[in-house]
Amino acid sequence: MDEKKILENLREICLALPKTSETTTFGHPTFQVGTKTFTVLETYKGVLSICVKVGKKMQPVFLEDDRFYRTPYVGQHGWVSLRANTKLNWVEIRGLVEGSYQLVHVQKRRR
């Protein structure tokens, strides 16, 4: 699947969630709830990846799966990146995006 189609699918999932928007940060399509980022599509070291927040406690579970790696720069805050150069499971991706949205949205409301 090419990057354009991946972005189309990701955009459909992300923008269906309440109070979300799309912007560009550091040249990457970025999805936010309010001003908080919950999903990014980026290329890092030549690999297209979908970045989501899973939380610090769950991060090690995802990192046991070779499809995931610790997201550069924000990994210490519980983010993982899913390599998009393999067959993608869009049901799984929807779950990851919705989980990330919930983590960021709940965190945003607590402040």
N, C-alpha and C. Protein backbone atom coordinates (compact mmCIF):
# COMPACT_ATOMS: atom_id res chain seq x y z
N MET A 1 0.85 -1.17 0.00
CA MET A 1 0.00 0.00 0.00
C MET A 1 0.90 1.24 0.00
N ASP A 2 0.60 2.21 -0.84
CA ASP A 2 1.46 3.39 -0.92
C ASP A 2 1.11 4.41 0.16
N GLU A 3 2.01 5.36 0.35
CA GLU A 3 1.87 6.35 1.41
C GLU A 3 0.57 7.15 1.28
N LYS A 4 0.20 7.49 0.07
CA LYS A 4 -1.01 8.28 -0.14
C LYS A 4 -2.24 7.52 0.36
N LYS A 5 -2.34 6.24 0.04
CA LYS A 5 -3.48 5.43 0.46
C LYS A 5 -3.46 5.22 1.99
N ILE A 6 -2.29 5.01 2.55
CA ILE A 6 -2.18 4.86 4.00
C ILE A 6 -2.66 6.14 4.68
N LEU A 7 -2.23 7.30 4.17
CA LEU A 7 -2.67 8.57 4.76
C LEU A 7 -4.18 8.73 4.62
N GLU A 8 -4.75 8.37 3.49
CA GLU A 8 -6.21 8.46 3.31
C GLU A 8 -6.94 7.63 4.35
N ASN A 9 -6.49 6.39 4.54
CA ASN A 9 -7.13 5.50 5.53
C ASN A 9 -6.96 6.04 6.94
N LEU A 10 -5.75 6.50 7.25
CA LEU A 10 -5.47 7.03 8.58
C LEU A 10 -6.29 8.29 8.84
N ARG A 11 -6.38 9.15 7.85
CA ARG A 11 -7.16 10.39 7.96
C ARG A 11 -8.63 10.08 8.25
N GLU A 12 -9.16 9.08 7.56
CA GLU A 12 -10.56 8.70 7.77
C GLU A 12 -10.80 8.25 9.21
N ILE A 13 -9.89 7.47 9.75
CA ILE A 13 -10.01 6.99 11.13
C ILE A 13 -9.88 8.14 12.12
N CYS A 14 -8.84 8.94 11.96
CA CYS A 14 -8.54 10.00 12.93
C CYS A 14 -9.60 11.10 12.95
N LEU A 15 -10.01 11.55 11.77
CA LEU A 15 -10.93 12.68 11.71
C LEU A 15 -12.37 12.31 12.04
N ALA A 16 -12.65 11.01 12.18
CA ALA A 16 -13.97 10.57 12.60
C ALA A 16 -14.14 10.73 14.12
N LEU A 17 -13.05 10.93 14.83
CA LEU A 17 -13.10 11.09 16.28
C LEU A 17 -13.47 12.53 16.64
N PRO A 18 -14.18 12.73 17.75
CA PRO A 18 -14.65 14.08 18.12
C PRO A 18 -13.50 15.08 18.35
N LYS A 19 -13.74 16.30 17.89
CA LYS A 19 -12.86 17.45 18.14
C LYS A 19 -11.43 17.25 17.62
N THR A 20 -11.28 16.53 16.51
CA THR A 20 -9.95 16.27 15.96
C THR A 20 -9.67 17.15 14.76
N SER A 21 -8.40 17.31 14.47
CA SER A 21 -7.98 18.08 13.30
C SER A 21 -6.68 17.49 12.77
N GLU A 22 -6.35 17.88 11.56
CA GLU A 22 -5.10 17.45 10.94
C GLU A 22 -4.24 18.69 10.74
N THR A 23 -2.98 18.55 11.02
CA THR A 23 -2.01 19.61 10.79
C THR A 23 -0.73 18.96 10.29
N THR A 24 0.30 19.74 10.12
CA THR A 24 1.60 19.21 9.73
C THR A 24 2.62 19.68 10.76
N THR A 25 3.37 18.72 11.31
CA THR A 25 4.46 19.08 12.23
C THR A 25 5.74 18.43 11.72
N PHE A 26 6.76 19.23 11.61
CA PHE A 26 8.06 18.76 11.10
C PHE A 26 7.90 18.03 9.77
N GLY A 27 6.93 18.49 8.96
CA GLY A 27 6.70 17.92 7.64
C GLY A 27 5.87 16.65 7.62
N HIS A 28 5.33 16.24 8.76
CA HIS A 28 4.57 14.99 8.86
C HIS A 28 3.09 15.26 9.12
N PRO A 29 2.20 14.51 8.46
CA PRO A 29 0.77 14.62 8.78
C PRO A 29 0.55 14.24 10.24
N THR A 30 -0.10 15.13 10.97
CA THR A 30 -0.26 14.98 12.42
C THR A 30 -1.73 15.18 12.77
N PHE A 31 -2.25 14.30 13.61
CA PHE A 31 -3.65 14.38 14.01
C PHE A 31 -3.72 14.73 15.49
N GLN A 32 -4.59 15.70 15.79
CA GLN A 32 -4.66 16.24 17.14
C GLN A 32 -6.10 16.27 17.64
N VAL A 33 -6.23 16.19 18.96
CA VAL A 33 -7.49 16.50 19.63
C VAL A 33 -7.18 17.77 20.41
N GLY A 34 -7.86 18.84 20.07
CA GLY A 34 -7.48 20.15 20.60
C GLY A 34 -6.08 20.47 20.09
N THR A 35 -5.16 20.71 21.01
CA THR A 35 -3.76 20.99 20.63
C THR A 35 -2.83 19.82 20.92
N LYS A 36 -3.39 18.69 21.33
CA LYS A 36 -2.59 17.52 21.70
C LYS A 36 -2.54 16.49 20.57
N THR A 37 -1.34 16.09 20.20
CA THR A 37 -1.15 15.11 19.14
C THR A 37 -1.47 13.71 19.64
N PHE A 38 -2.21 12.94 18.80
CA PHE A 38 -2.48 11.54 19.15
C PHE A 38 -2.03 10.55 18.08
N THR A 39 -1.76 11.01 16.87
CA THR A 39 -1.28 10.12 15.81
C THR A 39 -0.46 10.91 14.80
N VAL A 40 0.63 10.31 14.33
CA VAL A 40 1.48 10.94 13.32
C VAL A 40 1.84 9.88 12.28
N LEU A 41 1.87 10.30 11.02
CA LEU A 41 2.39 9.44 9.96
C LEU A 41 3.73 10.04 9.56
N GLU A 42 4.81 9.28 9.79
CA GLU A 42 6.13 9.83 9.51
C GLU A 42 7.05 8.79 8.89
N THR A 43 8.05 9.29 8.20
CA THR A 43 9.11 8.44 7.70
C THR A 43 10.33 8.71 8.55
N TYR A 44 10.86 7.65 9.17
CA TYR A 44 12.04 7.77 10.01
C TYR A 44 13.05 6.74 9.52
N LYS A 45 14.23 7.21 9.19
CA LYS A 45 15.29 6.35 8.65
C LYS A 45 14.78 5.51 7.48
N GLY A 46 13.99 6.16 6.62
CA GLY A 46 13.51 5.52 5.41
C GLY A 46 12.32 4.60 5.57
N VAL A 47 11.76 4.50 6.78
CA VAL A 47 10.63 3.61 7.03
C VAL A 47 9.39 4.42 7.38
N LEU A 48 8.34 4.28 6.57
CA LEU A 48 7.07 4.93 6.85
C LEU A 48 6.44 4.24 8.05
N SER A 49 5.97 5.04 9.01
CA SER A 49 5.43 4.48 10.25
C SER A 49 4.24 5.29 10.75
N ILE A 50 3.37 4.61 11.48
CA ILE A 50 2.23 5.24 12.14
C ILE A 50 2.57 5.30 13.62
N CYS A 51 2.61 6.51 14.16
CA CYS A 51 3.03 6.72 15.55
C CYS A 51 1.80 6.98 16.42
N VAL A 52 1.73 6.28 17.54
CA VAL A 52 0.61 6.43 18.48
C VAL A 52 1.12 6.35 19.92
N LYS A 53 0.34 6.92 20.81
CA LYS A 53 0.68 6.82 22.23
C LYS A 53 -0.02 5.59 22.81
N VAL A 54 0.75 4.75 23.50
CA VAL A 54 0.18 3.57 24.15
C VAL A 54 0.37 3.62 25.66
N GLY A 55 1.14 4.57 26.12
CA GLY A 55 1.41 4.70 27.55
C GLY A 55 2.68 3.96 27.94
N LYS A 56 3.31 4.43 29.01
CA LYS A 56 4.58 3.85 29.44
C LYS A 56 4.44 2.40 29.91
N LYS A 57 3.32 2.06 30.53
CA LYS A 57 3.14 0.70 31.03
C LYS A 57 2.94 -0.31 29.90
N MET A 58 2.25 0.10 28.82
CA MET A 58 1.97 -0.82 27.71
C MET A 58 3.07 -0.83 26.65
N GLN A 59 3.90 0.17 26.64
CA GLN A 59 4.93 0.28 25.60
C GLN A 59 5.78 -0.99 25.48
N PRO A 60 6.28 -1.58 26.57
CA PRO A 60 7.11 -2.79 26.44
C PRO A 60 6.40 -3.95 25.76
N VAL A 61 5.10 -4.06 25.94
CA VAL A 61 4.33 -5.13 25.30
C VAL A 61 4.39 -4.96 23.78
N PHE A 62 4.19 -3.75 23.31
CA PHE A 62 4.24 -3.49 21.87
C PHE A 62 5.64 -3.70 21.32
N LEU A 63 6.65 -3.34 22.08
CA LEU A 63 8.03 -3.44 21.59
C LEU A 63 8.51 -4.88 21.47
N GLU A 64 7.77 -5.83 22.04
CA GLU A 64 8.08 -7.25 21.84
C GLU A 64 7.74 -7.69 20.42
N ASP A 65 6.89 -6.94 19.74
CA ASP A 65 6.46 -7.23 18.37
C ASP A 65 7.39 -6.48 17.42
N ASP A 66 8.03 -7.19 16.50
CA ASP A 66 9.00 -6.59 15.59
C ASP A 66 8.43 -5.51 14.68
N ARG A 67 7.11 -5.46 14.55
CA ARG A 67 6.50 -4.43 13.70
C ARG A 67 6.57 -3.04 14.34
N PHE A 68 6.82 -3.00 15.64
CA PHE A 68 6.84 -1.74 16.39
C PHE A 68 8.25 -1.37 16.83
N TYR A 69 8.48 -0.08 16.97
CA TYR A 69 9.70 0.43 17.61
C TYR A 69 9.34 1.66 18.43
N ARG A 70 10.22 2.00 19.35
CA ARG A 70 10.00 3.17 20.21
C ARG A 70 10.10 4.42 19.35
N THR A 71 9.08 5.24 19.38
CA THR A 71 9.04 6.45 18.56
C THR A 71 10.16 7.40 18.97
N PRO A 72 10.98 7.84 18.00
CA PRO A 72 12.05 8.79 18.31
C PRO A 72 11.48 10.08 18.91
N TYR A 73 12.22 10.65 19.81
CA TYR A 73 11.93 11.94 20.44
C TYR A 73 10.80 11.92 21.47
N VAL A 74 9.75 11.11 21.27
CA VAL A 74 8.65 11.09 22.23
C VAL A 74 8.44 9.70 22.83
N GLY A 75 9.29 8.76 22.49
CA GLY A 75 9.17 7.40 23.01
C GLY A 75 9.19 7.33 24.52
N GLN A 76 9.93 8.22 25.14
CA GLN A 76 10.01 8.22 26.61
C GLN A 76 8.67 8.58 27.25
N HIS A 77 7.73 9.08 26.46
CA HIS A 77 6.40 9.43 26.96
C HIS A 77 5.36 8.34 26.63
N GLY A 78 5.83 7.17 26.20
CA GLY A 78 4.92 6.05 25.96
C GLY A 78 4.42 5.93 24.53
N TRP A 79 5.19 6.42 23.57
CA TRP A 79 4.81 6.34 22.16
C TRP A 79 5.52 5.18 21.47
N VAL A 80 4.80 4.54 20.52
CA VAL A 80 5.38 3.51 19.67
C VAL A 80 5.04 3.83 18.21
N SER A 81 5.85 3.29 17.32
CA SER A 81 5.64 3.46 15.88
C SER A 81 5.46 2.09 15.24
N LEU A 82 4.43 1.99 14.42
CA LEU A 82 4.14 0.77 13.67
C LEU A 82 4.69 0.92 12.26
N ARG A 83 5.58 0.02 11.90
CA ARG A 83 6.15 0.06 10.55
C ARG A 83 5.04 -0.20 9.53
N ALA A 84 4.95 0.68 8.52
CA ALA A 84 3.88 0.57 7.53
C ALA A 84 4.34 -0.12 6.25
N ASN A 85 5.52 -0.73 6.29
CA ASN A 85 6.05 -1.39 5.10
C ASN A 85 5.69 -2.88 5.06
N THR A 86 4.72 -3.28 5.89
CA THR A 86 4.22 -4.65 5.89
C THR A 86 2.71 -4.60 5.64
N LYS A 87 2.08 -5.74 5.57
CA LYS A 87 0.62 -5.78 5.41
C LYS A 87 -0.01 -5.16 6.65
N LEU A 88 -0.85 -4.16 6.44
CA LEU A 88 -1.46 -3.45 7.56
C LEU A 88 -2.84 -4.01 7.88
N ASN A 89 -3.11 -4.12 9.17
CA ASN A 89 -4.41 -4.55 9.66
C ASN A 89 -5.14 -3.28 10.13
N TRP A 90 -6.10 -2.82 9.34
CA TRP A 90 -6.75 -1.54 9.64
C TRP A 90 -7.67 -1.61 10.85
N VAL A 91 -8.14 -2.78 11.21
CA VAL A 91 -8.91 -2.93 12.45
C VAL A 91 -7.97 -2.68 13.64
N GLU A 92 -6.78 -3.27 13.56
CA GLU A 92 -5.77 -3.06 14.61
C GLU A 92 -5.37 -1.58 14.67
N ILE A 93 -5.15 -0.98 13.53
CA ILE A 93 -4.73 0.43 13.49
C ILE A 93 -5.82 1.33 14.07
N ARG A 94 -7.07 1.04 13.74
CA ARG A 94 -8.18 1.82 14.32
C ARG A 94 -8.14 1.73 15.85
N GLY A 95 -7.91 0.53 16.38
CA GLY A 95 -7.82 0.35 17.83
C GLY A 95 -6.66 1.13 18.43
N LEU A 96 -5.52 1.11 17.75
CA LEU A 96 -4.35 1.86 18.23
C LEU A 96 -4.62 3.35 18.24
N VAL A 97 -5.21 3.85 17.16
CA VAL A 97 -5.51 5.28 17.05
C VAL A 97 -6.53 5.70 18.11
N GLU A 98 -7.59 4.91 18.26
CA GLU A 98 -8.61 5.25 19.25
C GLU A 98 -8.05 5.20 20.67
N GLY A 99 -7.17 4.23 20.94
CA GLY A 99 -6.53 4.16 22.25
C GLY A 99 -5.64 5.36 22.51
N SER A 100 -4.89 5.76 21.51
CA SER A 100 -4.02 6.93 21.62
C SER A 100 -4.85 8.19 21.86
N TYR A 101 -5.91 8.32 21.09
CA TYR A 101 -6.84 9.45 21.24
C TYR A 101 -7.34 9.52 22.68
N GLN A 102 -7.79 8.38 23.21
CA GLN A 102 -8.31 8.35 24.58
C GLN A 102 -7.25 8.77 25.60
N LEU A 103 -6.03 8.24 25.46
CA LEU A 103 -4.96 8.61 26.38
C LEU A 103 -4.68 10.10 26.35
N VAL A 104 -4.60 10.66 25.17
CA VAL A 104 -4.28 12.09 25.02
C VAL A 104 -5.45 12.95 25.45
N HIS A 105 -6.67 12.55 25.08
CA HIS A 105 -7.86 13.34 25.41
C HIS A 105 -8.12 13.35 26.91
N VAL A 106 -7.97 12.19 27.55
CA VAL A 106 -8.15 12.12 29.02
C VAL A 106 -7.09 12.96 29.71
N GLN A 107 -5.85 12.85 29.25
CA GLN A 107 -4.75 13.63 29.83
C GLN A 107 -5.04 15.13 29.68
N LYS A 108 -5.55 15.51 28.53
CA LYS A 108 -5.86 16.91 28.24
C LYS A 108 -6.94 17.42 29.20
N ARG A 109 -7.97 16.60 29.45
CA ARG A 109 -9.09 17.03 30.30
C ARG A 109 -8.68 17.15 31.76
N ARG A 110 -7.68 16.40 32.22
CA ARG A 110 -7.25 16.43 33.62
C ARG A 110 -6.59 17.74 34.00
N ARG A 111 -6.02 18.43 33.02
CA ARG A 111 -5.24 19.64 33.32
C ARG A 111 -6.11 20.82 33.60
